[in-house]
Amino acid sequence: MIQNDGSATDAFTVQGGGNSTGFTLKYFVGTSGGADITTAVTGGTYTVSNLAPGANQVIRAVVTVVRGTAVGVVKDCLVTSTSVADAAKRDAVKARVTVK
C-alpha cells in the first residue's frame, strides 16, 4: 500500500523487482482484480498521482512459483515508493516467498 503520510497532496513513483528463475511476479492495482501494472512497476515508471494527505492506494504483488522449482528456493520481492515532490522521502517493503 502506498500511503501519503505528508501534509500536502503528492505523487509517488513505485518500483519493484520482476521475474527470476523459478518465479513470475506481477503487480496489480487494488486488493483484487485491478489493472495489471507490472511493466510500469518493474520499469520504475508507475506513478500514484494526486494522493491526498492520509490517503492510500493498494498495490498487490502476485508471486507464482514455476513448476519444478526446488523446495527451499527463496524469492525476495522489494518494492520502493518515492515522493515526486521530495526524492529524499522514500519507503520500502520486502516480501519473501519460500518454496515448500
N, C-alpha and C. Protein backbone atom coordinates (compact mmCIF):
# COMPACT_ATOMS: atom_id res chain seq x y z
N MET A 1 0.84 -1.16 0.00
CA MET A 1 0.00 0.00 0.00
C MET A 1 0.90 1.24 0.00
N ILE A 2 0.59 2.16 -0.87
CA ILE A 2 1.27 3.45 -0.92
C ILE A 2 0.39 4.41 -0.12
N GLN A 3 0.97 5.06 0.88
CA GLN A 3 0.21 5.99 1.71
C GLN A 3 0.96 7.30 1.82
N ASN A 4 0.22 8.39 1.70
CA ASN A 4 0.81 9.72 1.83
C ASN A 4 0.75 10.13 3.30
N ASP A 5 1.90 10.08 3.98
CA ASP A 5 1.99 10.49 5.37
C ASP A 5 2.36 11.96 5.51
N GLY A 6 2.46 12.66 4.39
CA GLY A 6 2.83 14.07 4.41
C GLY A 6 1.64 14.97 4.69
N SER A 7 1.88 16.27 4.58
CA SER A 7 0.84 17.25 4.87
C SER A 7 0.29 17.92 3.61
N ALA A 8 0.76 17.48 2.44
CA ALA A 8 0.29 18.05 1.17
C ALA A 8 0.06 16.92 0.16
N THR A 9 -0.81 17.16 -0.79
CA THR A 9 -1.04 16.19 -1.86
C THR A 9 0.28 15.95 -2.60
N ASP A 10 0.55 14.71 -2.94
CA ASP A 10 1.82 14.34 -3.56
C ASP A 10 1.59 13.21 -4.54
N ALA A 11 2.59 12.92 -5.33
CA ALA A 11 2.61 11.77 -6.23
C ALA A 11 3.80 10.91 -5.81
N PHE A 12 3.70 9.61 -6.09
CA PHE A 12 4.74 8.67 -5.69
C PHE A 12 5.08 7.74 -6.84
N THR A 13 6.38 7.61 -7.09
CA THR A 13 6.86 6.66 -8.09
C THR A 13 7.11 5.33 -7.40
N VAL A 14 6.67 4.24 -8.04
CA VAL A 14 6.78 2.91 -7.45
C VAL A 14 7.67 2.04 -8.33
N GLN A 15 8.61 1.33 -7.70
CA GLN A 15 9.49 0.42 -8.43
C GLN A 15 9.60 -0.89 -7.67
N GLY A 16 9.52 -1.98 -8.41
CA GLY A 16 9.64 -3.31 -7.80
C GLY A 16 10.35 -4.26 -8.73
N GLY A 17 10.84 -5.34 -8.16
CA GLY A 17 11.55 -6.36 -8.92
C GLY A 17 10.61 -7.14 -9.82
N GLY A 18 11.21 -7.92 -10.70
CA GLY A 18 10.43 -8.69 -11.65
C GLY A 18 10.67 -10.18 -11.54
N ASN A 19 10.44 -10.87 -12.63
CA ASN A 19 10.59 -12.32 -12.68
C ASN A 19 12.03 -12.71 -12.40
N SER A 20 12.20 -13.92 -11.90
CA SER A 20 13.54 -14.50 -11.73
C SER A 20 13.40 -16.01 -11.90
N THR A 21 14.51 -16.69 -11.98
CA THR A 21 14.48 -18.13 -12.20
C THR A 21 13.59 -18.80 -11.17
N GLY A 22 12.57 -19.50 -11.65
CA GLY A 22 11.66 -20.23 -10.79
C GLY A 22 10.43 -19.46 -10.33
N PHE A 23 10.37 -18.16 -10.64
CA PHE A 23 9.26 -17.33 -10.15
C PHE A 23 8.81 -16.34 -11.21
N THR A 24 7.49 -16.08 -11.23
CA THR A 24 6.97 -14.95 -12.00
C THR A 24 6.34 -14.00 -11.00
N LEU A 25 6.40 -12.72 -11.33
CA LEU A 25 5.92 -11.68 -10.43
C LEU A 25 5.10 -10.68 -11.23
N LYS A 26 3.89 -10.43 -10.76
CA LYS A 26 3.01 -9.45 -11.41
C LYS A 26 2.49 -8.49 -10.36
N TYR A 27 2.22 -7.25 -10.79
CA TYR A 27 1.69 -6.21 -9.90
C TYR A 27 0.35 -5.73 -10.43
N PHE A 28 -0.57 -5.49 -9.49
CA PHE A 28 -1.92 -5.04 -9.83
C PHE A 28 -2.34 -3.91 -8.89
N VAL A 29 -3.27 -3.08 -9.34
CA VAL A 29 -3.86 -2.04 -8.51
C VAL A 29 -5.02 -2.65 -7.74
N GLY A 30 -5.08 -2.43 -6.43
CA GLY A 30 -6.20 -2.87 -5.61
C GLY A 30 -5.99 -4.23 -4.98
N THR A 31 -6.93 -4.59 -4.10
CA THR A 31 -6.82 -5.85 -3.36
C THR A 31 -7.29 -7.05 -4.15
N SER A 32 -8.05 -6.83 -5.22
CA SER A 32 -8.46 -7.92 -6.10
C SER A 32 -8.76 -7.33 -7.47
N GLY A 33 -8.65 -8.18 -8.50
CA GLY A 33 -8.85 -7.67 -9.86
C GLY A 33 -7.85 -6.56 -10.13
N GLY A 34 -8.30 -5.46 -10.68
CA GLY A 34 -7.44 -4.29 -10.88
C GLY A 34 -6.55 -4.39 -12.11
N ALA A 35 -6.06 -3.24 -12.51
CA ALA A 35 -5.21 -3.14 -13.70
C ALA A 35 -3.87 -3.80 -13.45
N ASP A 36 -3.35 -4.47 -14.48
CA ASP A 36 -2.01 -5.05 -14.44
C ASP A 36 -1.01 -3.92 -14.70
N ILE A 37 -0.19 -3.60 -13.70
CA ILE A 37 0.77 -2.50 -13.79
C ILE A 37 2.21 -3.02 -13.75
N THR A 38 2.39 -4.30 -14.06
CA THR A 38 3.69 -4.95 -13.94
C THR A 38 4.79 -4.24 -14.71
N THR A 39 4.57 -3.95 -15.97
CA THR A 39 5.61 -3.34 -16.80
C THR A 39 6.04 -1.99 -16.23
N ALA A 40 5.09 -1.19 -15.80
CA ALA A 40 5.42 0.13 -15.25
C ALA A 40 6.15 0.01 -13.91
N VAL A 41 5.72 -0.91 -13.04
CA VAL A 41 6.37 -1.06 -11.73
C VAL A 41 7.79 -1.59 -11.90
N THR A 42 7.98 -2.61 -12.71
CA THR A 42 9.33 -3.15 -12.88
C THR A 42 10.24 -2.17 -13.62
N GLY A 43 9.66 -1.29 -14.41
CA GLY A 43 10.44 -0.27 -15.11
C GLY A 43 10.66 0.98 -14.28
N GLY A 44 10.04 1.04 -13.11
CA GLY A 44 10.19 2.21 -12.24
C GLY A 44 9.45 3.44 -12.72
N THR A 45 8.44 3.23 -13.58
CA THR A 45 7.71 4.37 -14.14
C THR A 45 6.27 4.47 -13.64
N TYR A 46 5.83 3.55 -12.78
CA TYR A 46 4.46 3.62 -12.29
C TYR A 46 4.37 4.75 -11.26
N THR A 47 3.38 5.62 -11.42
CA THR A 47 3.21 6.75 -10.51
C THR A 47 1.78 6.77 -9.97
N VAL A 48 1.68 6.89 -8.66
CA VAL A 48 0.40 7.13 -8.00
C VAL A 48 0.29 8.65 -7.90
N SER A 49 -0.65 9.24 -8.62
CA SER A 49 -0.76 10.70 -8.70
C SER A 49 -1.80 11.24 -7.74
N ASN A 50 -1.62 12.50 -7.36
CA ASN A 50 -2.61 13.26 -6.59
C ASN A 50 -3.12 12.51 -5.35
N LEU A 51 -2.19 11.99 -4.55
CA LEU A 51 -2.56 11.28 -3.34
C LEU A 51 -2.63 12.29 -2.19
N ALA A 52 -3.83 12.50 -1.68
CA ALA A 52 -4.05 13.48 -0.61
C ALA A 52 -3.39 13.02 0.69
N PRO A 53 -3.11 13.93 1.60
CA PRO A 53 -2.55 13.54 2.89
C PRO A 53 -3.44 12.51 3.58
N GLY A 54 -2.84 11.42 4.05
CA GLY A 54 -3.58 10.36 4.72
C GLY A 54 -4.22 9.35 3.79
N ALA A 55 -4.28 9.65 2.49
CA ALA A 55 -4.89 8.73 1.53
C ALA A 55 -3.89 7.64 1.15
N ASN A 56 -4.42 6.54 0.57
CA ASN A 56 -3.55 5.45 0.16
C ASN A 56 -4.07 4.77 -1.09
N GLN A 57 -3.19 4.00 -1.71
CA GLN A 57 -3.57 3.15 -2.85
C GLN A 57 -2.90 1.81 -2.66
N VAL A 58 -3.68 0.75 -2.77
CA VAL A 58 -3.16 -0.60 -2.63
C VAL A 58 -2.54 -1.04 -3.95
N ILE A 59 -1.33 -1.58 -3.86
CA ILE A 59 -0.66 -2.23 -4.99
C ILE A 59 -0.39 -3.66 -4.55
N ARG A 60 -0.86 -4.62 -5.33
CA ARG A 60 -0.76 -6.03 -4.98
C ARG A 60 0.30 -6.71 -5.82
N ALA A 61 1.17 -7.47 -5.16
CA ALA A 61 2.17 -8.27 -5.86
C ALA A 61 1.71 -9.72 -5.82
N VAL A 62 1.72 -10.38 -6.96
CA VAL A 62 1.33 -11.79 -7.05
C VAL A 62 2.55 -12.57 -7.53
N VAL A 63 3.05 -13.43 -6.65
CA VAL A 63 4.22 -14.25 -6.97
C VAL A 63 3.74 -15.66 -7.27
N THR A 64 4.18 -16.20 -8.41
CA THR A 64 3.83 -17.56 -8.80
C THR A 64 5.11 -18.37 -8.90
N VAL A 65 5.09 -19.55 -8.29
CA VAL A 65 6.24 -20.45 -8.37
C VAL A 65 6.10 -21.30 -9.63
N VAL A 66 7.16 -21.31 -10.43
CA VAL A 66 7.17 -22.09 -11.67
C VAL A 66 7.29 -23.58 -11.31
N ARG A 67 6.49 -24.40 -11.95
CA ARG A 67 6.53 -25.85 -11.71
C ARG A 67 7.97 -26.35 -11.86
N GLY A 68 8.38 -27.18 -10.92
CA GLY A 68 9.72 -27.76 -10.97
C GLY A 68 10.76 -26.99 -10.17
N THR A 69 10.37 -25.85 -9.60
CA THR A 69 11.31 -25.09 -8.78
C THR A 69 11.55 -25.88 -7.49
N ALA A 70 12.80 -26.01 -7.11
CA ALA A 70 13.19 -26.85 -5.98
C ALA A 70 12.66 -26.31 -4.65
N VAL A 71 12.34 -27.23 -3.76
CA VAL A 71 11.94 -26.88 -2.41
C VAL A 71 13.10 -26.13 -1.74
N GLY A 72 12.76 -25.08 -1.00
CA GLY A 72 13.76 -24.31 -0.29
C GLY A 72 14.25 -23.08 -1.03
N VAL A 73 13.95 -22.98 -2.32
CA VAL A 73 14.36 -21.80 -3.10
C VAL A 73 13.56 -20.60 -2.59
N VAL A 74 14.24 -19.46 -2.48
CA VAL A 74 13.64 -18.25 -1.91
C VAL A 74 13.60 -17.14 -2.96
N LYS A 75 12.50 -16.39 -2.96
CA LYS A 75 12.35 -15.20 -3.80
C LYS A 75 12.06 -14.02 -2.89
N ASP A 76 12.93 -13.02 -2.88
CA ASP A 76 12.69 -11.78 -2.16
C ASP A 76 12.14 -10.76 -3.15
N CYS A 77 11.10 -10.06 -2.75
CA CYS A 77 10.45 -9.06 -3.59
C CYS A 77 10.50 -7.71 -2.86
N LEU A 78 11.29 -6.78 -3.37
CA LEU A 78 11.41 -5.46 -2.77
C LEU A 78 10.68 -4.44 -3.63
N VAL A 79 9.82 -3.66 -3.00
CA VAL A 79 9.09 -2.60 -3.69
C VAL A 79 9.37 -1.29 -2.95
N THR A 80 9.75 -0.26 -3.71
CA THR A 80 10.02 1.04 -3.11
C THR A 80 9.07 2.08 -3.68
N SER A 81 8.76 3.07 -2.86
CA SER A 81 7.99 4.22 -3.34
C SER A 81 8.76 5.47 -2.96
N THR A 82 8.75 6.44 -3.87
CA THR A 82 9.50 7.68 -3.68
C THR A 82 8.59 8.86 -3.98
N SER A 83 8.61 9.84 -3.09
CA SER A 83 7.83 11.05 -3.30
C SER A 83 8.36 11.79 -4.53
N VAL A 84 7.46 12.23 -5.39
CA VAL A 84 7.85 13.02 -6.55
C VAL A 84 8.28 14.42 -6.10
N ALA A 85 7.64 14.95 -5.06
CA ALA A 85 7.95 16.30 -4.57
C ALA A 85 9.28 16.36 -3.83
N ASP A 86 9.67 15.25 -3.16
CA ASP A 86 10.89 15.23 -2.37
C ASP A 86 11.48 13.83 -2.40
N ALA A 87 12.44 13.60 -3.30
CA ALA A 87 13.01 12.27 -3.52
C ALA A 87 13.69 11.70 -2.27
N ALA A 88 13.93 12.52 -1.26
CA ALA A 88 14.51 12.02 -0.01
C ALA A 88 13.46 11.25 0.80
N LYS A 89 12.19 11.44 0.46
CA LYS A 89 11.12 10.73 1.16
C LYS A 89 10.82 9.45 0.41
N ARG A 90 11.31 8.35 1.00
CA ARG A 90 11.17 7.03 0.37
C ARG A 90 10.70 6.03 1.40
N ASP A 91 10.09 4.97 0.92
CA ASP A 91 9.70 3.86 1.78
C ASP A 91 9.86 2.58 0.98
N ALA A 92 9.96 1.48 1.69
CA ALA A 92 10.16 0.19 1.03
C ALA A 92 9.45 -0.90 1.81
N VAL A 93 9.07 -1.94 1.10
CA VAL A 93 8.51 -3.15 1.71
C VAL A 93 9.13 -4.34 1.01
N LYS A 94 9.42 -5.39 1.78
CA LYS A 94 10.00 -6.59 1.20
C LYS A 94 9.15 -7.79 1.60
N ALA A 95 8.82 -8.60 0.61
CA ALA A 95 8.12 -9.86 0.85
C ALA A 95 9.08 -11.00 0.51
N ARG A 96 8.98 -12.10 1.21
CA ARG A 96 9.83 -13.25 0.95
C ARG A 96 8.95 -14.47 0.74
N VAL A 97 9.18 -15.16 -0.37
CA VAL A 97 8.44 -16.39 -0.71
C VAL A 97 9.44 -17.53 -0.69
N THR A 98 9.12 -18.59 0.06
CA THR A 98 9.97 -19.78 0.12
C THR A 98 9.18 -20.96 -0.41
N VAL A 99 9.76 -21.70 -1.36
CA VAL A 99 9.10 -22.88 -1.92
C VAL A 99 9.15 -23.99 -0.89
N LYS A 100 7.97 -24.54 -0.59
CA LYS A 100 7.88 -25.63 0.40
C LYS A 100 7.40 -26.90 -0.22
